C-alpha cells in the first residue's frame, strides 16, 4: 500500500528522462527495429521482505560517469531545456515513502533506474 499519486509523479519524471535519452540517440542507431529490445521498459519485481522494485530501463544515450553522482542533485541537468528537478523530485518522493532509488548507466548503452519500496510505503 502506498500513495499512488506520488509514485505516479516519480515514474512520470523518470519515464520522461528515458524518452528524452532515447530521442537523443544518433540518427544512425536503430530505433524500434523489429526484434530489438524495447527502447524503454518498465518492470516490477517482488523485493526482499515483501516490498516491490520498479525498474525503468532505457536504450538511450546513457549518462557520463562524471555526471552519475549528481543526477539526483536539484538543478543538475545536462539538457539545454531541462530544469534538473525531475530526478531530485523522484528521489524525494521515494525516500519519503521509505524507499530507495538508484541509477546505473553506460554511455551509448542506456540507463536503468531502480526504485525499491517497502511493503507498506507510507508518507513519512
N, C-alpha and C. Protein backbone atom coordinates (compact mmCIF):
# COMPACT_ATOMS: atom_id res chain seq x y z
N UNK A 1 0.85 -1.18 0.00
CA UNK A 1 0.00 0.00 0.00
C UNK A 1 0.89 1.23 0.00
N UNK A 2 0.49 2.22 -0.79
CA UNK A 2 1.28 3.44 -0.86
C UNK A 2 0.44 4.58 -1.42
N UNK A 3 1.03 5.71 -1.55
CA UNK A 3 0.39 6.88 -2.14
C UNK A 3 0.62 6.81 -3.65
N UNK A 4 -0.37 6.30 -4.36
CA UNK A 4 -0.25 6.08 -5.80
C UNK A 4 0.06 7.33 -6.59
N UNK A 5 -0.49 8.45 -6.19
CA UNK A 5 -0.25 9.69 -6.93
C UNK A 5 1.21 10.12 -6.84
N UNK A 6 1.80 9.94 -5.68
CA UNK A 6 3.22 10.30 -5.53
C UNK A 6 4.11 9.37 -6.36
N UNK A 7 3.81 8.09 -6.32
CA UNK A 7 4.59 7.13 -7.11
C UNK A 7 4.42 7.45 -8.60
N UNK A 8 3.22 7.80 -9.02
CA UNK A 8 2.98 8.16 -10.42
C UNK A 8 3.84 9.36 -10.81
N UNK A 9 3.90 10.37 -9.96
CA UNK A 9 4.71 11.56 -10.23
C UNK A 9 6.18 11.19 -10.42
N UNK A 10 6.70 10.34 -9.53
CA UNK A 10 8.10 9.91 -9.64
C UNK A 10 8.32 9.16 -10.96
N UNK A 11 7.39 8.26 -11.30
CA UNK A 11 7.53 7.48 -12.53
C UNK A 11 7.45 8.36 -13.77
N UNK A 12 6.57 9.33 -13.78
CA UNK A 12 6.46 10.24 -14.92
C UNK A 12 7.78 10.98 -15.13
N UNK A 13 8.39 11.45 -14.04
CA UNK A 13 9.67 12.15 -14.16
C UNK A 13 10.75 11.24 -14.73
N UNK A 14 10.81 10.01 -14.26
CA UNK A 14 11.84 9.07 -14.74
C UNK A 14 11.57 8.67 -16.19
N UNK A 15 10.32 8.37 -16.51
CA UNK A 15 9.97 7.97 -17.88
C UNK A 15 10.19 9.12 -18.87
N UNK A 16 9.97 10.33 -18.44
CA UNK A 16 10.22 11.49 -19.30
C UNK A 16 11.71 11.58 -19.64
N UNK A 17 12.56 11.36 -18.64
CA UNK A 17 14.01 11.36 -18.90
C UNK A 17 14.39 10.24 -19.84
N UNK A 18 13.79 9.07 -19.67
CA UNK A 18 14.09 7.92 -20.53
C UNK A 18 13.70 8.23 -21.97
N UNK A 19 12.54 8.82 -22.16
CA UNK A 19 12.09 9.17 -23.51
C UNK A 19 13.05 10.16 -24.16
N UNK A 20 13.50 11.15 -23.42
CA UNK A 20 14.44 12.14 -23.94
C UNK A 20 15.77 11.49 -24.30
N UNK A 21 16.23 10.55 -23.48
CA UNK A 21 17.51 9.87 -23.74
C UNK A 21 17.44 9.03 -25.01
N UNK A 22 16.31 8.37 -25.22
CA UNK A 22 16.14 7.57 -26.44
C UNK A 22 16.06 8.48 -27.66
N UNK A 23 15.35 9.57 -27.54
CA UNK A 23 15.21 10.51 -28.67
C UNK A 23 16.55 11.16 -29.03
N UNK A 24 17.47 11.23 -28.08
CA UNK A 24 18.76 11.88 -28.30
C UNK A 24 19.80 10.97 -28.95
N UNK A 25 19.44 9.71 -29.18
CA UNK A 25 20.40 8.80 -29.83
C UNK A 25 20.74 9.31 -31.22
N UNK A 26 21.94 9.04 -31.68
CA UNK A 26 22.31 9.44 -33.05
C UNK A 26 21.37 8.84 -34.08
N UNK A 27 21.16 9.54 -35.16
CA UNK A 27 20.20 9.13 -36.19
C UNK A 27 20.49 7.75 -36.76
N UNK A 28 21.73 7.33 -36.81
CA UNK A 28 22.09 6.04 -37.40
C UNK A 28 21.73 4.84 -36.54
N UNK A 29 21.43 5.03 -35.26
CA UNK A 29 21.13 3.90 -34.38
C UNK A 29 19.69 3.45 -34.58
N UNK A 30 19.48 2.15 -34.55
CA UNK A 30 18.14 1.58 -34.77
C UNK A 30 17.20 2.01 -33.65
N UNK A 31 16.04 2.46 -34.06
CA UNK A 31 15.00 2.85 -33.09
C UNK A 31 13.76 2.03 -33.40
N UNK A 32 13.35 1.24 -32.44
CA UNK A 32 12.12 0.48 -32.60
C UNK A 32 12.18 -0.58 -33.68
N UNK A 33 13.37 -1.10 -33.97
CA UNK A 33 13.53 -2.12 -35.01
C UNK A 33 12.88 -3.42 -34.56
N UNK A 34 12.25 -4.13 -35.49
CA UNK A 34 11.60 -5.41 -35.18
C UNK A 34 12.64 -6.36 -34.61
N UNK A 35 12.31 -6.99 -33.49
CA UNK A 35 13.20 -7.93 -32.84
C UNK A 35 14.17 -7.30 -31.87
N UNK A 36 14.30 -5.98 -31.92
CA UNK A 36 15.19 -5.29 -30.99
C UNK A 36 14.49 -5.14 -29.64
N UNK A 37 15.25 -5.04 -28.55
CA UNK A 37 14.61 -4.80 -27.25
C UNK A 37 13.87 -3.46 -27.27
N UNK A 38 12.89 -3.30 -26.41
CA UNK A 38 12.15 -2.03 -26.39
C UNK A 38 13.06 -0.87 -26.01
N UNK A 39 12.74 0.31 -26.53
CA UNK A 39 13.53 1.50 -26.21
C UNK A 39 13.44 1.85 -24.73
N UNK A 40 12.26 1.69 -24.14
CA UNK A 40 12.04 1.94 -22.72
C UNK A 40 11.22 0.79 -22.17
N UNK A 41 11.65 0.26 -21.03
CA UNK A 41 10.95 -0.89 -20.45
C UNK A 41 10.79 -0.67 -18.95
N UNK A 42 9.58 -0.87 -18.45
CA UNK A 42 9.28 -0.77 -17.03
C UNK A 42 8.93 -2.17 -16.53
N UNK A 43 9.61 -2.60 -15.48
CA UNK A 43 9.41 -3.92 -14.91
C UNK A 43 9.16 -3.78 -13.42
N UNK A 44 8.27 -4.60 -12.89
CA UNK A 44 8.08 -4.66 -11.44
C UNK A 44 8.50 -6.03 -10.95
N UNK A 45 9.11 -6.05 -9.78
CA UNK A 45 9.61 -7.27 -9.17
C UNK A 45 9.26 -7.29 -7.70
N UNK A 46 9.07 -8.47 -7.16
CA UNK A 46 8.90 -8.57 -5.72
C UNK A 46 10.28 -8.48 -5.09
N UNK A 47 10.43 -7.59 -4.15
CA UNK A 47 11.71 -7.39 -3.48
C UNK A 47 11.73 -8.15 -2.16
N UNK A 48 12.90 -8.22 -1.58
CA UNK A 48 13.03 -8.89 -0.28
C UNK A 48 12.12 -8.24 0.74
N UNK A 49 11.61 -9.05 1.65
CA UNK A 49 10.76 -8.53 2.71
C UNK A 49 9.36 -8.17 2.26
N UNK A 50 8.98 -8.57 1.06
CA UNK A 50 7.62 -8.32 0.60
C UNK A 50 7.41 -6.98 -0.08
N UNK A 51 8.47 -6.22 -0.25
CA UNK A 51 8.36 -4.94 -0.94
C UNK A 51 8.30 -5.12 -2.44
N UNK A 52 8.38 -4.03 -3.14
CA UNK A 52 8.33 -4.08 -4.60
C UNK A 52 9.49 -3.25 -5.17
N UNK A 53 10.02 -3.72 -6.29
CA UNK A 53 11.04 -2.97 -7.02
C UNK A 53 10.44 -2.61 -8.36
N UNK A 54 10.64 -1.37 -8.77
CA UNK A 54 10.21 -0.89 -10.08
C UNK A 54 11.48 -0.51 -10.81
N UNK A 55 11.70 -1.12 -11.98
CA UNK A 55 12.91 -0.87 -12.75
C UNK A 55 12.52 -0.26 -14.09
N UNK A 56 13.09 0.90 -14.39
CA UNK A 56 12.86 1.56 -15.67
C UNK A 56 14.20 1.53 -16.40
N UNK A 57 14.23 0.86 -17.54
CA UNK A 57 15.45 0.75 -18.33
C UNK A 57 15.22 1.37 -19.70
N UNK A 58 16.18 2.15 -20.15
CA UNK A 58 16.09 2.71 -21.50
C UNK A 58 17.33 2.36 -22.29
N UNK A 59 17.20 2.42 -23.59
CA UNK A 59 18.31 2.15 -24.50
C UNK A 59 18.78 3.46 -25.12
N UNK A 60 18.81 4.50 -24.30
CA UNK A 60 19.16 5.84 -24.78
C UNK A 60 20.65 6.09 -24.78
N UNK A 61 21.00 7.36 -24.70
CA UNK A 61 22.39 7.78 -24.83
C UNK A 61 23.23 7.50 -23.59
N UNK A 62 22.59 7.19 -22.48
CA UNK A 62 23.32 6.93 -21.25
C UNK A 62 23.78 8.20 -20.56
N UNK A 63 24.40 8.01 -19.41
CA UNK A 63 24.86 9.12 -18.59
C UNK A 63 26.37 8.97 -18.40
N UNK A 64 27.09 10.04 -18.60
CA UNK A 64 28.54 10.01 -18.43
C UNK A 64 28.89 9.70 -16.97
N UNK A 65 29.95 8.96 -16.77
CA UNK A 65 30.37 8.55 -15.42
C UNK A 65 30.57 9.75 -14.50
N UNK A 66 31.09 10.84 -15.04
CA UNK A 66 31.33 12.03 -14.24
C UNK A 66 30.02 12.67 -13.75
N UNK A 67 28.92 12.45 -14.48
CA UNK A 67 27.63 13.03 -14.12
C UNK A 67 26.80 12.15 -13.17
N UNK A 68 27.08 10.85 -13.14
CA UNK A 68 26.26 9.93 -12.33
C UNK A 68 26.11 10.34 -10.87
N UNK A 69 27.17 10.80 -10.18
CA UNK A 69 26.99 11.17 -8.77
C UNK A 69 26.07 12.36 -8.55
N UNK A 70 25.74 13.08 -9.61
CA UNK A 70 24.96 14.31 -9.47
C UNK A 70 23.52 14.22 -9.98
N UNK A 71 23.11 13.07 -10.52
CA UNK A 71 21.81 13.01 -11.19
C UNK A 71 20.63 13.30 -10.26
N UNK A 72 20.79 13.10 -8.96
CA UNK A 72 19.70 13.39 -8.01
C UNK A 72 19.84 14.77 -7.36
N UNK A 73 20.88 15.51 -7.72
CA UNK A 73 21.07 16.86 -7.16
C UNK A 73 20.05 17.81 -7.78
N UNK A 74 19.39 18.63 -6.95
CA UNK A 74 18.46 19.61 -7.51
C UNK A 74 19.19 20.56 -8.48
N UNK A 75 18.55 20.83 -9.58
CA UNK A 75 19.01 21.75 -10.62
C UNK A 75 20.18 21.23 -11.46
N UNK A 76 20.59 19.97 -11.26
CA UNK A 76 21.64 19.41 -12.11
C UNK A 76 20.98 18.86 -13.37
N UNK A 77 21.44 19.32 -14.52
CA UNK A 77 20.92 18.84 -15.78
C UNK A 77 22.01 18.88 -16.85
N UNK A 78 21.89 18.01 -17.82
CA UNK A 78 22.79 18.04 -18.97
C UNK A 78 22.03 18.43 -20.23
N UNK A 79 20.72 18.67 -20.08
CA UNK A 79 19.88 19.04 -21.23
C UNK A 79 19.74 20.56 -21.30
N UNK A 80 19.68 21.07 -22.52
CA UNK A 80 19.52 22.51 -22.69
C UNK A 80 18.22 23.02 -22.10
N UNK A 81 17.16 22.24 -22.21
CA UNK A 81 15.85 22.70 -21.74
C UNK A 81 15.46 22.07 -20.41
N UNK A 82 16.33 21.32 -19.80
CA UNK A 82 16.00 20.65 -18.54
C UNK A 82 16.06 21.60 -17.35
N UNK A 83 15.27 21.29 -16.32
CA UNK A 83 15.29 22.09 -15.10
C UNK A 83 16.18 21.46 -14.04
N UNK A 84 16.47 20.17 -14.17
CA UNK A 84 17.25 19.49 -13.17
C UNK A 84 16.45 19.14 -11.93
N UNK A 85 15.14 19.14 -12.04
CA UNK A 85 14.31 18.84 -10.87
C UNK A 85 13.65 17.46 -10.91
N UNK A 86 13.52 16.85 -12.08
CA UNK A 86 12.78 15.59 -12.20
C UNK A 86 13.28 14.48 -11.31
N UNK A 87 14.57 14.15 -11.40
CA UNK A 87 15.10 13.07 -10.57
C UNK A 87 15.23 13.47 -9.11
N UNK A 88 15.47 14.74 -8.84
CA UNK A 88 15.51 15.21 -7.45
C UNK A 88 14.14 15.03 -6.80
N UNK A 89 13.09 15.37 -7.52
CA UNK A 89 11.72 15.19 -7.01
C UNK A 89 11.42 13.71 -6.84
N UNK A 90 11.79 12.89 -7.82
CA UNK A 90 11.56 11.44 -7.72
C UNK A 90 12.25 10.87 -6.49
N UNK A 91 13.48 11.27 -6.24
CA UNK A 91 14.22 10.78 -5.07
C UNK A 91 13.53 11.20 -3.78
N UNK A 92 13.11 12.45 -3.73
CA UNK A 92 12.42 12.96 -2.54
C UNK A 92 11.16 12.16 -2.26
N UNK A 93 10.38 11.87 -3.30
CA UNK A 93 9.14 11.10 -3.15
C UNK A 93 9.44 9.69 -2.66
N UNK A 94 10.36 9.01 -3.32
CA UNK A 94 10.68 7.62 -2.99
C UNK A 94 11.19 7.52 -1.55
N UNK A 95 12.08 8.40 -1.17
CA UNK A 95 12.61 8.35 0.20
C UNK A 95 11.54 8.71 1.22
N UNK A 96 10.63 9.62 0.88
CA UNK A 96 9.53 9.95 1.80
C UNK A 96 8.60 8.76 2.02
N UNK A 97 8.56 7.86 1.05
CA UNK A 97 7.74 6.65 1.17
C UNK A 97 8.51 5.51 1.85
N UNK A 98 9.72 5.79 2.30
CA UNK A 98 10.53 4.78 2.98
C UNK A 98 11.33 3.91 2.03
N UNK A 99 11.43 4.32 0.77
CA UNK A 99 12.12 3.52 -0.23
C UNK A 99 13.48 4.07 -0.58
N UNK A 100 14.05 3.49 -1.62
CA UNK A 100 15.36 3.91 -2.12
C UNK A 100 15.31 3.94 -3.65
N UNK A 101 16.14 4.79 -4.22
CA UNK A 101 16.22 4.90 -5.67
C UNK A 101 17.70 4.89 -6.06
N UNK A 102 18.00 4.22 -7.15
CA UNK A 102 19.38 4.16 -7.62
C UNK A 102 19.39 4.20 -9.14
N UNK A 103 20.56 4.52 -9.69
CA UNK A 103 20.69 4.60 -11.15
C UNK A 103 22.01 3.96 -11.57
N UNK A 104 21.95 3.23 -12.67
CA UNK A 104 23.14 2.67 -13.32
C UNK A 104 23.07 3.09 -14.77
N UNK A 105 24.22 3.42 -15.34
CA UNK A 105 24.20 3.86 -16.72
C UNK A 105 25.55 3.66 -17.38
N UNK A 106 25.50 3.47 -18.68
CA UNK A 106 26.70 3.40 -19.51
C UNK A 106 26.46 4.25 -20.74
N UNK A 107 27.37 5.18 -21.04
CA UNK A 107 27.20 5.99 -22.23
C UNK A 107 27.01 5.11 -23.48
N UNK A 108 26.10 5.51 -24.32
CA UNK A 108 25.75 4.83 -25.58
C UNK A 108 25.00 3.51 -25.38
N UNK A 109 24.79 3.08 -24.15
CA UNK A 109 24.11 1.81 -23.91
C UNK A 109 22.77 1.97 -23.20
N UNK A 110 22.62 3.02 -22.42
CA UNK A 110 21.35 3.25 -21.75
C UNK A 110 21.49 3.39 -20.25
N UNK A 111 20.34 3.50 -19.62
CA UNK A 111 20.26 3.78 -18.20
C UNK A 111 19.20 2.92 -17.56
N UNK A 112 19.45 2.54 -16.31
CA UNK A 112 18.48 1.79 -15.52
C UNK A 112 18.28 2.51 -14.20
N UNK A 113 17.02 2.84 -13.90
CA UNK A 113 16.67 3.45 -12.63
C UNK A 113 15.85 2.42 -11.86
N UNK A 114 16.24 2.17 -10.61
CA UNK A 114 15.55 1.19 -9.79
C UNK A 114 14.99 1.89 -8.55
N UNK A 115 13.70 1.63 -8.32
CA UNK A 115 13.01 2.13 -7.13
C UNK A 115 12.65 0.92 -6.28
N UNK A 116 13.06 0.93 -5.03
CA UNK A 116 12.69 -0.13 -4.08
C UNK A 116 11.77 0.48 -3.03
N UNK A 117 10.59 -0.10 -2.91
CA UNK A 117 9.62 0.37 -1.92
C UNK A 117 9.30 -0.74 -0.92
N UNK A 118 9.14 -0.39 0.35
CA UNK A 118 8.77 -1.39 1.35
C UNK A 118 7.32 -1.84 1.15
N UNK A 119 6.91 -2.92 1.81
CA UNK A 119 5.53 -3.44 1.62
C UNK A 119 4.44 -2.42 1.95
N UNK A 120 4.69 -1.59 2.92
CA UNK A 120 3.73 -0.54 3.25
C UNK A 120 4.47 0.79 3.17
N UNK A 121 4.52 1.33 1.99
CA UNK A 121 5.23 2.59 1.75
C UNK A 121 4.31 3.74 2.04
N UNK A 122 4.37 4.23 3.27
CA UNK A 122 3.52 5.34 3.67
C UNK A 122 4.36 6.60 3.80
N UNK A 123 3.72 7.72 3.60
CA UNK A 123 4.41 9.01 3.65
C UNK A 123 4.91 9.26 5.07
N UNK A 124 6.18 9.64 5.16
CA UNK A 124 6.79 9.93 6.46
C UNK A 124 6.92 11.41 6.66
